[in-house]
Each structure stands twice: as structure tokens, then as C-alpha cells.
Amino acid sequence: MIIIKTMNIKFIDLFAGLGGFHLALSQLGCKCVFASELRLDLRKLYEINFPNVRIEGDIKTIAPQDIPSHDILCAGFPCQPFSQAGKRLGFSDLDRGNLFYNITSIVEEHSPRYIFLENVSNLKGHDEGNTWKTIKSELESLNYKVAEPAILSPHQFGIPQHRRRIYIVCENRKYGELEGFSFPEPKDVTCDINDIIDFGETDYQHLKDDTRHYLAVWSSFLTQCVLHNVEIPTFPIWAMEFGATYEFEDRVPNSLSLKELKSQLGTLGQPIKGSTRAQCLSCIPSYSRVDVEKFPKWKIKYIQQNREFYKNNKDWLDEWKLQIADFAPSYQKMEWNCGNEDVEPILDDKIIQFRASGIRVKLPNFSPALNLVGTQIPILPWIKLPAESLQPGEYGMGRYMTVHEASKLQGMEDLKFGNEQFKLPVSRCYEALGNAVNVTIVRLIAEKLLRNELN
């Protein structure tokens, strides 16, 4: 590993989370002189991992002049205002979207040589590009050269996780204009999730019987596809459309009268019943109850595709769909993200993730992005469980990804998640990892940025 010549390069770690920026830059010999993190439990954990660093809470309550001088300002500022998974309010999110201006206030006070920011990839296109234009304009007005940002993912560098993030790098024009700097180039590499798996691990989250049942039923769906020589759909499978006849193209259910609704079939082809419109609407899938004039094209397309699939395979789907009648709506949906070319149509060797959008199935090359929602932990069905770890009557294959394995994906394998006095709950560990910056990518960028300071 390349090491900085001296310890004179100082940085601050804003919205620090688990300390991804800290880990990356300290590996290069830089010194953290200040950190801030809103959440108390993560501040406690930060103190455990980085005991000699001053860490404060809400950045909005800290006067810029009370922050030590520094050479690099690092910030993985809150991404939810710009995320596709959130409300995408951007700067209009009064609680989090305007925190960018706390960063600029610190920059105005201290004029660090470099600014190093990370956020969700959607930031660049948010509000038709106006959000990024605002950020760039603000930084340039403070006399910074702003590089064209890069959108990078760990899987492009051999790390088995798909996690696209935007990286923003700036240099104070007093020192230079990023001469010779370029972001690390993505590589054409093959990833294997098995590289980060601890196959002998006995401390893991066990799969519940219900979870195994859901997977068994969807496995039988794949088996039926093979038996009937049917290609597994690569569009999202919405099984609740199997047998449904409610209107969705020219009109939406919310615009129908009570009489019109009762003349149609709802979820899984069941009759729409009720004495009120609300009762009748409860008989159709929740995604079709929205009060709009017309469904978006993508939703119309997915419903069309699912109804066509049912029409062509009604002879065996009518019996199969009875098995999912009592499933929660999100478990009545599946996303087969594996393609069909040279792929065995089974779940046992795929990465599984239970999401609000459905049960997602993907190849075991790299993990989906670690998610802020602790319930969406990837399932690894092919792992043989150590005999000593099994509960009475438990099936000996398959478990969730462990916290330590997830930390490897983020380059945080040496991070401590607690000590004798304090431990971060397991669910919060996953959430925090889902919100963390990737240490490996940050280090690669920092090496390029600080090339003149390196041996």
C-alpha cells in the first residue's frame, strides 16, 4: 500500500457514519483532526474505532470557526434527499437537503486545499441536472476547481458489490487546478461473492421457516417453467395479476364506479367484493389503488406482460398461484435478474434479497448494494452451515450475509462494531454499512489526488 511521506496532511470527516473516509485516508497516512456524526450510536462506535479524534454531533450546531484547520474536507453528506429510493426532494428537503450549505460554510471559513464528497449516483441527474449545477456553481464561487464527477461502483474494481455512487473532487485554486488528476479507471473484472464469505462462520442470522417456505414456492415456479418449456420472465413477475381483469390501461380502478369494479376480477383472479368503493379497491393490488388519472407507461407494461404470461400458462399457473394466496404482497412478486442464457433455473445457487419490490434473484457474482433497510440483507442459499451452528430440525443450507461479510464489501473488515461497554445492534450494523462510503474506492481516488505527496 502507498503511504504518505508525512503525517502533515490533515482532514475532517463530516457526516462520518462508520468512518469510511477516515479508514481510507488514515491508511494513506493522513490525520483526522475532527469528525461529526448526528447519530449518537454511531458516534459511540466512532470513538471506539478512532479513540483520539474529536467527534461532535449535529453539524448545524457547530460554528465553522470551532473546527480545526485542515487540508481535506471529506463528506458523505446525506443522500436520501437525492436518492431514487427516497422522496428525492433535494435542496427542498429542509432537514437534510440543505446540509450541503453547512459544508460550504466550513469551506468558506477554512479554505482547505481539497474537497472530497460522495453521494448517490442520482445526484447528478436530480431535478434535471439543476442540483448538480447548483453544487458545482457554489464550489466554484468559493474559488475551487471542480473535476467532472465520477460515478463508480466497487464491482468495477473486483469488489463483489454493485453500488454506484458519485464522487466529487475539488482543489482550491490557490494551490492548483487538479493538474494531472484523473479518477481511477473502471476495470473489466469478474467478481465472485464467495471471495468475501466466511464459510465456517457459526454466528449468523438464521433463515426463518416462513422465509424458506417462500423460497420453496418460488422454486416450484421455476421448476414448472422448466417442465412446461417456458422461459423464465425477465420482467418483474407480479403474480397478483395472474387472473386479474380490472381495468388499468385507458382507465384506472380509482375512476370506476362501484358497479364497474364488482364486474371485474382483482388480485389472483378473485372476485372484487364489498359494499363500498374502499372495500372493493382493497381487492386489487396496492400498486393499482393509487389516485391518478392514468398509470405510467412502465406500470401498464408490467401489468400487460404479467397478464399475457398468465394467459399463455394458465393451465399450470392456476394451481401454482394457490400457494402464494396468503403471502404478503411483496412476496407475491419476484425479480429474476439472472437472464436465461446458460443459467440454471434454480434459487439454490443465487443471491436472494427480500425487497419491497419483490423477491430479487441475481447471480452470485456480486452483491446488490447494501441497503439502509436492515430487513433486506442478502441471502446466500448455497452455504453449507456448520453442524455445531444448526438449531434443532434446521435445514443445513443457506443463511443471511453476516455483518463481517458485509463490512468486507465496504472495505471495513477491520472495523469494530462494539466493545465491552457498547455494541451496535445487528440491524443497525447493516443499516450503517448500507449508508457508508466504500473505503477501497475512496482510497483509490485519494491516491490519485495526493499523488505528489506519495512515495
Protein backbone atom coordinates (compact mmCIF):
# COMPACT_ATOMS: atom_id res chain seq x y z
CA MET A 1 0.00 0.00 0.00
CA ILE A 2 1.21 3.51 -0.83
CA ILE A 3 1.91 5.63 2.25
CA ILE A 4 2.05 9.41 2.58
CA LYS A 5 5.55 10.75 3.30
CA THR A 6 4.49 12.64 6.42
CA MET A 7 1.56 12.94 8.79
CA ASN A 8 1.13 16.61 7.94
CA ILE A 9 -1.95 16.16 5.74
CA LYS A 10 -4.98 16.77 7.94
CA PHE A 11 -8.60 16.05 7.11
CA ILE A 12 -12.05 16.36 8.65
CA ASP A 13 -14.73 13.69 8.38
CA LEU A 14 -18.24 15.16 8.12
CA PHE A 15 -21.41 13.03 8.29
CA ALA A 16 -18.90 10.41 9.33
CA GLY A 17 -21.10 7.36 9.80
CA LEU A 18 -18.84 4.36 10.29
CA GLY A 19 -15.78 6.36 9.27
CA GLY A 20 -15.20 5.22 5.69
CA PHE A 21 -13.31 8.37 4.74
CA HIS A 22 -11.31 8.08 7.96
CA LEU A 23 -10.28 4.49 7.25
CA ALA A 24 -9.27 5.26 3.67
CA LEU A 25 -7.23 8.39 4.33
CA SER A 26 -5.62 7.09 7.51
CA GLN A 27 -4.43 4.07 5.51
CA LEU A 28 -2.55 6.61 3.41
CA GLY A 29 -1.04 8.26 6.47
CA CYS A 30 -3.35 11.30 6.70
CA LYS A 31 -4.52 12.51 10.11
CA CYS A 32 -8.15 13.14 11.06
CA VAL A 33 -8.49 16.26 13.24
CA PHE A 34 -12.28 16.48 13.51
CA ALA A 35 -15.40 14.44 12.79
CA SER A 36 -19.13 14.98 13.06
CA GLU A 37 -21.98 12.50 13.09
CA LEU A 38 -25.59 13.18 14.02
CA ARG A 39 -26.48 9.71 15.36
CA LEU A 40 -25.35 9.04 18.91
CA ASP A 41 -24.84 5.29 18.49
CA LEU A 42 -22.53 5.83 15.51
CA ARG A 43 -20.59 8.48 17.42
CA LYS A 44 -20.03 5.95 20.19
CA LEU A 45 -18.79 3.44 17.65
CA TYR A 46 -16.56 6.07 16.02
CA GLU A 47 -14.96 6.75 19.40
CA ILE A 48 -14.28 3.03 19.83
CA ASN A 49 -12.59 2.75 16.44
CA PHE A 50 -10.88 6.16 16.43
CA PRO A 51 -10.34 7.00 20.12
CA ASN A 52 -8.08 10.01 19.66
CA VAL A 53 -10.32 12.02 17.33
CA ARG A 54 -12.67 14.77 18.41
CA ILE A 55 -16.18 13.91 17.20
CA GLU A 56 -19.22 16.14 17.56
CA GLY A 57 -22.94 15.74 16.78
CA ASP A 58 -25.22 17.83 14.59
CA ILE A 59 -23.07 19.80 12.13
CA LYS A 60 -25.75 22.52 12.08
CA THR A 61 -24.90 23.39 15.70
CA ILE A 62 -21.14 23.65 15.17
CA ALA A 63 -19.65 27.02 14.29
CA PRO A 64 -17.20 26.70 11.37
CA GLN A 65 -14.55 28.61 13.31
CA ASP A 66 -14.67 25.93 16.04
CA ILE A 67 -13.49 23.31 13.56
CA PRO A 68 -9.69 22.84 13.32
CA SER A 69 -7.89 23.89 10.15
CA HIS A 70 -7.44 21.09 7.66
CA ASP A 71 -6.16 20.22 4.19
CA ILE A 72 -9.00 17.98 3.05
CA LEU A 73 -12.71 18.26 3.78
CA CYS A 74 -14.40 14.87 3.40
CA ALA A 75 -18.16 14.45 3.46
CA GLY A 76 -20.55 11.71 2.51
CA PHE A 77 -23.39 14.16 3.01
CA PRO A 78 -26.94 12.78 3.42
CA CYS A 79 -28.05 11.06 0.24
CA GLN A 80 -31.74 10.45 0.95
CA PRO A 81 -32.89 13.84 -0.46
CA PHE A 82 -31.42 12.84 -3.83
CA SER A 83 -31.90 9.07 -3.76
CA GLN A 84 -34.26 7.25 -6.10
CA ALA A 85 -35.34 5.22 -3.08
CA GLY A 86 -36.36 8.32 -1.15
CA LYS A 87 -38.64 11.26 -1.85
CA ARG A 88 -35.96 12.94 -3.99
CA LEU A 89 -36.69 16.37 -2.53
CA GLY A 90 -33.09 17.53 -2.94
CA PHE A 91 -32.40 21.02 -1.61
CA SER A 92 -36.09 21.44 -0.78
CA ASP A 93 -35.65 18.85 1.98
CA LEU A 94 -35.29 21.33 4.83
CA ASP A 95 -33.84 18.79 7.26
CA ARG A 96 -31.16 17.17 5.09
CA GLY A 97 -31.04 18.69 1.63
CA ASN A 98 -29.63 21.99 2.86
CA LEU A 99 -26.78 20.40 4.79
CA PHE A 100 -24.63 20.99 1.73
CA TYR A 101 -24.55 24.64 2.75
CA ASN A 102 -23.05 23.68 6.11
CA ILE A 103 -20.20 22.22 4.09
CA THR A 104 -19.76 25.42 2.09
CA SER A 105 -19.75 27.48 5.29
CA ILE A 106 -16.85 25.42 6.60
CA VAL A 107 -15.07 25.70 3.27
CA GLU A 108 -15.51 29.48 3.30
CA GLU A 109 -14.02 29.64 6.80
CA HIS A 110 -11.03 27.33 6.31
CA SER A 111 -10.32 27.19 2.54
CA PRO A 112 -8.94 23.62 2.63
CA ARG A 113 -6.86 22.57 -0.34
CA TYR A 114 -9.16 19.71 -1.31
CA ILE A 115 -12.85 18.89 -1.02
CA PHE A 116 -13.83 15.24 -1.37
CA LEU A 117 -17.57 14.40 -1.46
CA GLU A 118 -19.62 11.24 -2.00
CA ASN A 119 -23.33 10.78 -2.69
CA VAL A 120 -25.83 8.62 -4.56
CA SER A 121 -25.38 8.44 -8.33
CA ASN A 122 -28.80 10.00 -8.84
CA LEU A 123 -27.49 13.33 -7.53
CA LYS A 124 -26.08 14.30 -10.92
CA GLY A 125 -29.39 13.87 -12.73
CA HIS A 126 -31.61 15.07 -9.88
CA ASP A 127 -34.01 17.87 -10.81
CA GLU A 128 -32.97 17.58 -14.45
CA GLY A 129 -29.36 18.31 -13.54
CA ASN A 130 -30.09 21.51 -11.61
CA THR A 131 -28.96 20.07 -8.28
CA TRP A 132 -25.50 19.28 -9.62
CA LYS A 133 -25.30 22.67 -11.37
CA THR A 134 -26.03 24.34 -8.03
CA ILE A 135 -23.41 22.31 -6.18
CA LYS A 136 -20.77 22.97 -8.83
CA SER A 137 -21.59 26.67 -9.00
CA GLU A 138 -21.37 27.06 -5.21
CA LEU A 139 -17.99 25.32 -5.06
CA GLU A 140 -16.61 27.32 -7.98
CA SER A 141 -17.75 30.56 -6.35
CA LEU A 142 -15.53 29.62 -3.39
CA ASN A 143 -12.53 29.52 -5.76
CA TYR A 144 -12.40 25.76 -6.33
CA LYS A 145 -11.63 23.82 -9.47
CA VAL A 146 -14.30 21.13 -9.68
CA ALA A 147 -13.48 17.94 -11.56
CA GLU A 148 -16.17 16.32 -13.67
CA PRO A 149 -17.55 13.87 -11.10
CA ALA A 150 -17.19 10.13 -11.50
CA ILE A 151 -19.84 7.50 -10.90
CA LEU A 152 -18.08 4.36 -9.73
CA SER A 153 -19.05 1.01 -8.23
CA PRO A 154 -16.93 -1.45 -6.22
CA HIS A 155 -17.63 -4.27 -8.71
CA GLN A 156 -15.66 -2.30 -11.30
CA PHE A 157 -12.55 -2.84 -9.18
CA GLY A 158 -13.00 -6.52 -8.31
CA ILE A 159 -15.00 -5.97 -5.11
CA PRO A 160 -18.17 -8.12 -5.24
CA GLN A 161 -20.76 -5.40 -4.63
CA HIS A 162 -22.79 -3.37 -7.13
CA ARG A 163 -23.02 0.09 -5.58
CA ARG A 164 -22.94 3.08 -7.93
CA ARG A 165 -22.01 6.32 -6.18
CA ILE A 166 -20.96 9.76 -7.36
CA TYR A 167 -17.56 11.07 -6.25
CA ILE A 168 -16.80 14.79 -6.34
CA VAL A 169 -13.25 16.15 -6.05
CA CYS A 170 -12.20 19.82 -5.93
CA GLU A 171 -8.96 21.74 -5.44
CA ASN A 172 -8.56 25.25 -4.11
CA ARG A 173 -7.25 27.36 -6.98
CA LYS A 174 -4.68 28.90 -4.61
CA TYR A 175 -2.85 25.58 -4.79
CA GLY A 176 -3.68 24.31 -8.24
CA GLU A 177 -6.39 23.20 -10.62
CA LEU A 178 -6.25 19.41 -10.24
CA GLU A 179 -3.43 19.23 -12.79
CA GLY A 180 -2.82 15.62 -13.72
CA PHE A 181 -5.69 14.30 -11.62
CA SER A 182 -7.99 11.66 -13.02
CA PHE A 183 -10.36 9.27 -11.34
CA PRO A 184 -9.35 5.59 -11.24
CA GLU A 185 -10.44 3.80 -14.38
CA PRO A 186 -13.03 1.00 -14.01
CA LYS A 187 -11.70 -2.41 -14.93
CA ASP A 188 -13.30 -5.30 -16.75
CA VAL A 189 -13.01 -7.82 -13.94
CA THR A 190 -15.02 -10.84 -12.87
CA CYS A 191 -16.34 -10.77 -9.32
CA ASP A 192 -17.27 -13.70 -7.10
CA ILE A 193 -19.29 -13.18 -3.94
CA ASN A 194 -17.62 -16.26 -2.47
CA ASP A 195 -14.44 -14.21 -2.07
CA ILE A 196 -15.88 -12.45 0.98
CA ILE A 197 -17.82 -15.36 2.53
CA ASP A 198 -16.69 -16.92 5.80
CA PHE A 199 -17.86 -20.48 5.16
CA GLY A 200 -17.07 -21.65 8.70
CA GLU A 201 -18.96 -18.82 10.40
CA THR A 202 -21.25 -20.01 13.20
CA ASP A 203 -22.52 -16.61 14.37
CA TYR A 204 -25.06 -15.66 11.73
CA GLN A 205 -28.71 -14.74 11.28
CA HIS A 206 -30.74 -17.90 10.66
CA LEU A 207 -33.40 -18.16 7.98
CA LYS A 208 -36.89 -18.47 9.39
CA ASP A 209 -39.16 -21.33 8.34
CA ASP A 210 -41.50 -18.83 6.63
CA THR A 211 -38.62 -17.46 4.58
CA ARG A 212 -37.63 -20.96 3.47
CA HIS A 213 -41.27 -21.63 2.55
CA TYR A 214 -41.46 -18.53 0.35
CA LEU A 215 -38.30 -19.62 -1.44
CA ALA A 216 -39.59 -23.18 -1.85
CA VAL A 217 -42.80 -21.96 -3.50
CA TRP A 218 -40.92 -19.72 -5.92
CA SER A 219 -38.50 -22.56 -6.60
CA SER A 220 -41.51 -24.63 -7.66
CA PHE A 221 -42.48 -21.80 -10.05
CA LEU A 222 -39.08 -22.12 -11.73
CA THR A 223 -39.45 -25.89 -11.87
CA GLN A 224 -42.85 -25.54 -13.54
CA CYS A 225 -41.35 -23.17 -16.11
CA VAL A 226 -38.78 -25.81 -16.99
CA LEU A 227 -41.33 -28.64 -17.09
CA HIS A 228 -43.55 -26.67 -19.47
CA ASN A 229 -40.66 -25.40 -21.59
CA VAL A 230 -41.40 -21.79 -20.63
CA GLU A 231 -38.69 -19.13 -20.48
CA ILE A 232 -38.45 -17.52 -17.05
CA PRO A 233 -39.73 -13.93 -17.32
CA THR A 234 -37.05 -11.29 -17.04
CA PHE A 235 -39.66 -8.60 -16.39
CA PRO A 236 -40.82 -8.22 -12.76
CA ILE A 237 -43.22 -11.06 -12.01
CA TRP A 238 -46.35 -9.70 -10.33
CA ALA A 239 -48.26 -12.88 -9.57
CA MET A 240 -51.24 -10.94 -8.22
CA GLU A 241 -52.02 -10.15 -11.88
CA PHE A 242 -52.49 -13.85 -12.66
CA GLY A 243 -56.22 -13.97 -13.39
CA ALA A 244 -56.93 -10.28 -12.73
CA THR A 245 -59.17 -8.40 -15.18
CA TYR A 246 -59.60 -4.96 -13.58
CA GLU A 247 -59.08 -2.01 -15.93
CA PHE A 248 -55.64 -0.41 -16.00
CA GLU A 249 -54.91 0.98 -19.48
CA ASP A 250 -57.42 3.63 -20.54
CA ARG A 251 -58.90 3.96 -17.07
CA VAL A 252 -57.65 3.28 -13.55
CA PRO A 253 -59.58 1.43 -10.81
CA ASN A 254 -59.99 4.59 -8.73
CA SER A 255 -62.06 6.13 -11.52
CA LEU A 256 -64.51 3.21 -11.71
CA SER A 257 -67.93 3.10 -10.13
CA LEU A 258 -68.83 0.52 -7.53
CA LYS A 259 -70.82 -1.43 -10.12
CA GLU A 260 -67.93 -1.38 -12.60
CA LEU A 261 -65.47 -2.59 -10.02
CA LYS A 262 -67.68 -5.50 -8.99
CA SER A 263 -67.90 -6.69 -12.58
CA GLN A 264 -64.15 -7.36 -12.69
CA LEU A 265 -61.62 -9.67 -11.05
CA GLY A 266 -58.91 -8.50 -8.68
CA THR A 267 -55.76 -9.94 -7.09
CA LEU A 268 -55.05 -13.51 -8.27
CA GLY A 269 -58.30 -13.50 -10.24
CA GLN A 270 -60.52 -13.28 -7.16
CA PRO A 271 -63.93 -11.52 -7.40
CA ILE A 272 -64.00 -7.87 -6.35
CA LYS A 273 -66.46 -7.65 -3.45
CA GLY A 274 -67.65 -5.05 -0.98
CA SER A 275 -70.40 -2.60 -0.17
CA THR A 276 -68.10 0.41 -0.52
CA ARG A 277 -65.54 1.52 -3.10
CA ALA A 278 -62.82 1.28 -0.45
CA GLN A 279 -63.70 -2.37 0.21
CA CYS A 280 -63.71 -3.13 -3.50
CA LEU A 281 -60.42 -1.38 -4.12
CA SER A 282 -58.84 -3.48 -1.35
CA CYS A 283 -59.44 -6.49 -3.62
CA ILE A 284 -56.90 -5.26 -6.19
CA PRO A 285 -53.11 -4.95 -5.82
CA SER A 286 -51.98 -1.93 -3.79
CA TYR A 287 -49.91 -0.52 -6.68
CA SER A 288 -53.14 -0.15 -8.68
CA ARG A 289 -55.11 1.68 -5.99
CA VAL A 290 -53.29 4.98 -6.46
CA ASP A 291 -55.46 8.01 -7.17
CA VAL A 292 -54.14 9.11 -10.58
CA GLU A 293 -55.73 9.81 -13.93
CA LYS A 294 -53.52 7.30 -15.76
CA PHE A 295 -50.85 4.79 -14.80
CA PRO A 296 -47.29 5.46 -16.00
CA LYS A 297 -46.18 3.55 -19.09
CA TRP A 298 -43.84 1.25 -17.16
CA LYS A 299 -46.63 0.09 -14.84
CA ILE A 300 -49.00 -0.52 -17.74
CA LYS A 301 -46.29 -2.52 -19.48
CA TYR A 302 -45.58 -4.72 -16.44
CA ILE A 303 -49.28 -5.48 -15.92
CA GLN A 304 -49.66 -6.31 -19.62
CA GLN A 305 -46.64 -8.61 -19.55
CA ASN A 306 -47.85 -10.46 -16.46
CA ARG A 307 -51.38 -10.94 -17.76
CA GLU A 308 -50.03 -12.19 -21.08
CA PHE A 309 -47.76 -14.63 -19.26
CA TYR A 310 -50.74 -15.89 -17.26
CA LYS A 311 -52.88 -16.25 -20.39
CA ASN A 312 -50.19 -18.39 -22.04
CA ASN A 313 -49.59 -20.56 -18.95
CA LYS A 314 -52.97 -20.64 -17.26
CA ASP A 315 -53.08 -24.44 -17.27
CA TRP A 316 -50.38 -24.75 -14.61
CA LEU A 317 -50.40 -21.26 -13.03
CA ASP A 318 -53.95 -21.68 -11.70
CA GLU A 319 -52.79 -24.44 -9.41
CA TRP A 320 -49.43 -22.86 -8.53
CA LYS A 321 -50.85 -19.45 -7.59
CA LEU A 322 -52.94 -21.03 -4.81
CA GLN A 323 -49.67 -21.50 -2.90
CA ILE A 324 -48.99 -17.74 -2.70
CA ALA A 325 -52.55 -16.61 -1.94
CA ASP A 326 -51.68 -15.95 1.71
CA PHE A 327 -48.28 -14.35 1.04
CA ALA A 328 -47.69 -10.68 1.83
CA PRO A 329 -47.91 -8.63 -1.40
CA SER A 330 -44.14 -8.12 -1.71
CA TYR A 331 -43.64 -11.92 -1.53
CA GLN A 332 -46.09 -12.38 -4.40
CA LYS A 333 -43.59 -10.66 -6.66
CA MET A 334 -40.25 -11.89 -7.96
CA GLU A 335 -37.48 -10.24 -9.99
CA TRP A 336 -35.37 -12.76 -11.92
CA ASN A 337 -32.22 -10.72 -12.63
CA CYS A 338 -30.23 -13.64 -13.97
CA GLY A 339 -31.17 -13.75 -17.65
CA ASN A 340 -31.77 -17.14 -19.24
CA GLU A 341 -28.60 -17.90 -21.17
CA ASP A 342 -26.53 -20.69 -19.56
CA VAL A 343 -28.20 -20.08 -16.20
CA GLU A 344 -29.59 -22.98 -14.18
CA PRO A 345 -33.25 -22.16 -13.32
CA ILE A 346 -32.91 -22.68 -9.56
CA LEU A 347 -32.65 -20.46 -6.50
CA ASP A 348 -30.14 -22.57 -4.57
CA ASP A 349 -27.07 -21.02 -6.19
CA LYS A 350 -28.31 -17.42 -6.49
CA ILE A 351 -28.20 -14.37 -4.22
CA ILE A 352 -31.69 -13.68 -2.85
CA GLN A 353 -32.92 -10.40 -1.42
CA PHE A 354 -36.37 -9.76 0.04
CA ARG A 355 -37.31 -6.24 -1.03
CA ALA A 356 -40.47 -4.14 -1.02
CA SER A 357 -40.48 -4.51 -4.82
CA GLY A 358 -40.38 -8.30 -4.58
CA ILE A 359 -38.05 -11.22 -4.04
CA ARG A 360 -34.99 -10.31 -6.08
CA VAL A 361 -32.84 -13.09 -7.55
CA LYS A 362 -29.40 -12.46 -9.02
CA LEU A 363 -26.25 -14.31 -9.99
CA PRO A 364 -23.61 -14.98 -7.29
CA ASN A 365 -21.03 -12.68 -8.87
CA PHE A 366 -21.52 -9.59 -6.74
CA SER A 367 -23.88 -8.48 -4.01
CA PRO A 368 -26.58 -5.89 -4.60
CA ALA A 369 -25.83 -2.61 -2.84
CA LEU A 370 -26.07 -2.94 0.91
CA ASN A 371 -29.35 -1.33 1.84
CA LEU A 372 -30.32 1.10 4.57
CA VAL A 373 -33.16 -1.27 5.42
CA GLY A 374 -31.82 -3.99 7.69
CA THR A 375 -34.53 -6.43 6.56
CA GLN A 376 -33.09 -6.54 3.02
CA ILE A 377 -29.93 -8.46 3.88
CA PRO A 378 -28.77 -10.73 1.03
CA ILE A 379 -29.49 -14.43 1.47
CA LEU A 380 -26.82 -16.93 0.38
CA PRO A 381 -28.67 -20.25 -0.10
CA TRP A 382 -25.68 -22.38 -1.18
CA ILE A 383 -23.68 -22.07 2.04
CA LYS A 384 -23.39 -25.29 4.00
CA LEU A 385 -23.99 -24.42 7.63
CA PRO A 386 -21.55 -25.77 10.23
CA ALA A 387 -23.20 -28.62 12.13
CA GLU A 388 -22.49 -27.01 15.51
CA SER A 389 -24.40 -23.87 14.48
CA LEU A 390 -27.66 -25.60 13.50
CA GLN A 391 -30.80 -25.28 15.55
CA PRO A 392 -32.90 -28.43 16.20
CA GLY A 393 -34.54 -29.55 12.96
CA GLU A 394 -32.95 -26.74 10.92
CA TYR A 395 -32.09 -27.34 7.27
CA GLY A 396 -28.33 -27.31 6.85
CA MET A 397 -28.04 -24.96 3.87
CA GLY A 398 -28.45 -21.21 3.46
CA ARG A 399 -28.16 -18.14 5.65
CA TYR A 400 -28.03 -14.37 5.56
CA MET A 401 -24.83 -12.48 4.82
CA THR A 402 -23.09 -11.69 8.10
CA VAL A 403 -22.14 -8.24 9.34
CA HIS A 404 -18.46 -9.09 8.91
CA GLU A 405 -19.00 -10.21 5.33
CA ALA A 406 -20.95 -7.03 4.60
CA SER A 407 -18.15 -4.98 6.12
CA LYS A 408 -15.69 -6.63 3.74
CA LEU A 409 -17.76 -5.38 0.80
CA GLN A 410 -17.26 -1.84 2.10
CA GLY A 411 -13.55 -2.29 2.82
CA MET A 412 -14.26 -2.19 6.56
CA GLU A 413 -13.28 -5.70 7.56
CA ASP A 414 -11.15 -4.45 10.49
CA LEU A 415 -13.86 -2.17 11.88
CA LYS A 416 -15.11 -2.90 15.40
CA PHE A 417 -18.87 -2.84 15.92
CA GLY A 418 -18.61 -2.52 19.68
CA ASN A 419 -16.69 -3.36 22.84
CA GLU A 420 -17.47 -4.47 26.39
CA GLN A 421 -19.34 -1.24 27.15
CA PHE A 422 -21.28 -0.72 23.92
CA LYS A 423 -22.33 -2.81 20.93
CA LEU A 424 -24.20 -1.62 17.86
CA PRO A 425 -27.31 -3.79 17.32
CA VAL A 426 -27.02 -6.12 14.34
CA SER A 427 -29.82 -4.43 12.41
CA ARG A 428 -28.13 -1.05 12.85
CA CYS A 429 -24.82 -2.53 11.68
CA TYR A 430 -26.40 -3.43 8.35
CA GLU A 431 -28.11 -0.05 8.07
CA ALA A 432 -24.89 1.81 8.84
CA LEU A 433 -22.95 -0.27 6.31
CA GLY A 434 -25.64 0.50 3.76
CA ASN A 435 -25.05 4.20 4.34
CA ALA A 436 -21.25 4.03 4.44
CA VAL A 437 -18.76 5.20 1.86
CA ASN A 438 -16.69 2.47 0.25
CA VAL A 439 -13.20 2.55 1.72
CA THR A 440 -11.46 0.93 -1.22
CA ILE A 441 -12.80 3.37 -3.82
CA VAL A 442 -12.16 6.39 -1.60
CA ARG A 443 -8.57 5.24 -1.09
CA LEU A 444 -8.04 4.71 -4.83
CA ILE A 445 -9.29 8.24 -5.55
CA ALA A 446 -7.24 9.75 -2.72
CA GLU A 447 -4.08 8.07 -4.03
CA LYS A 448 -4.64 9.78 -7.38
CA LEU A 449 -5.48 13.10 -5.75
CA LEU A 450 -2.46 13.11 -3.43
CA ARG A 451 -0.04 11.60 -5.94
CA ASN A 452 2.55 14.36 -5.44
CA GLU A 453 2.63 13.65 -1.70
CA LEU A 454 3.11 9.91 -2.07
CA ASN A 455 6.28 7.86 -2.10
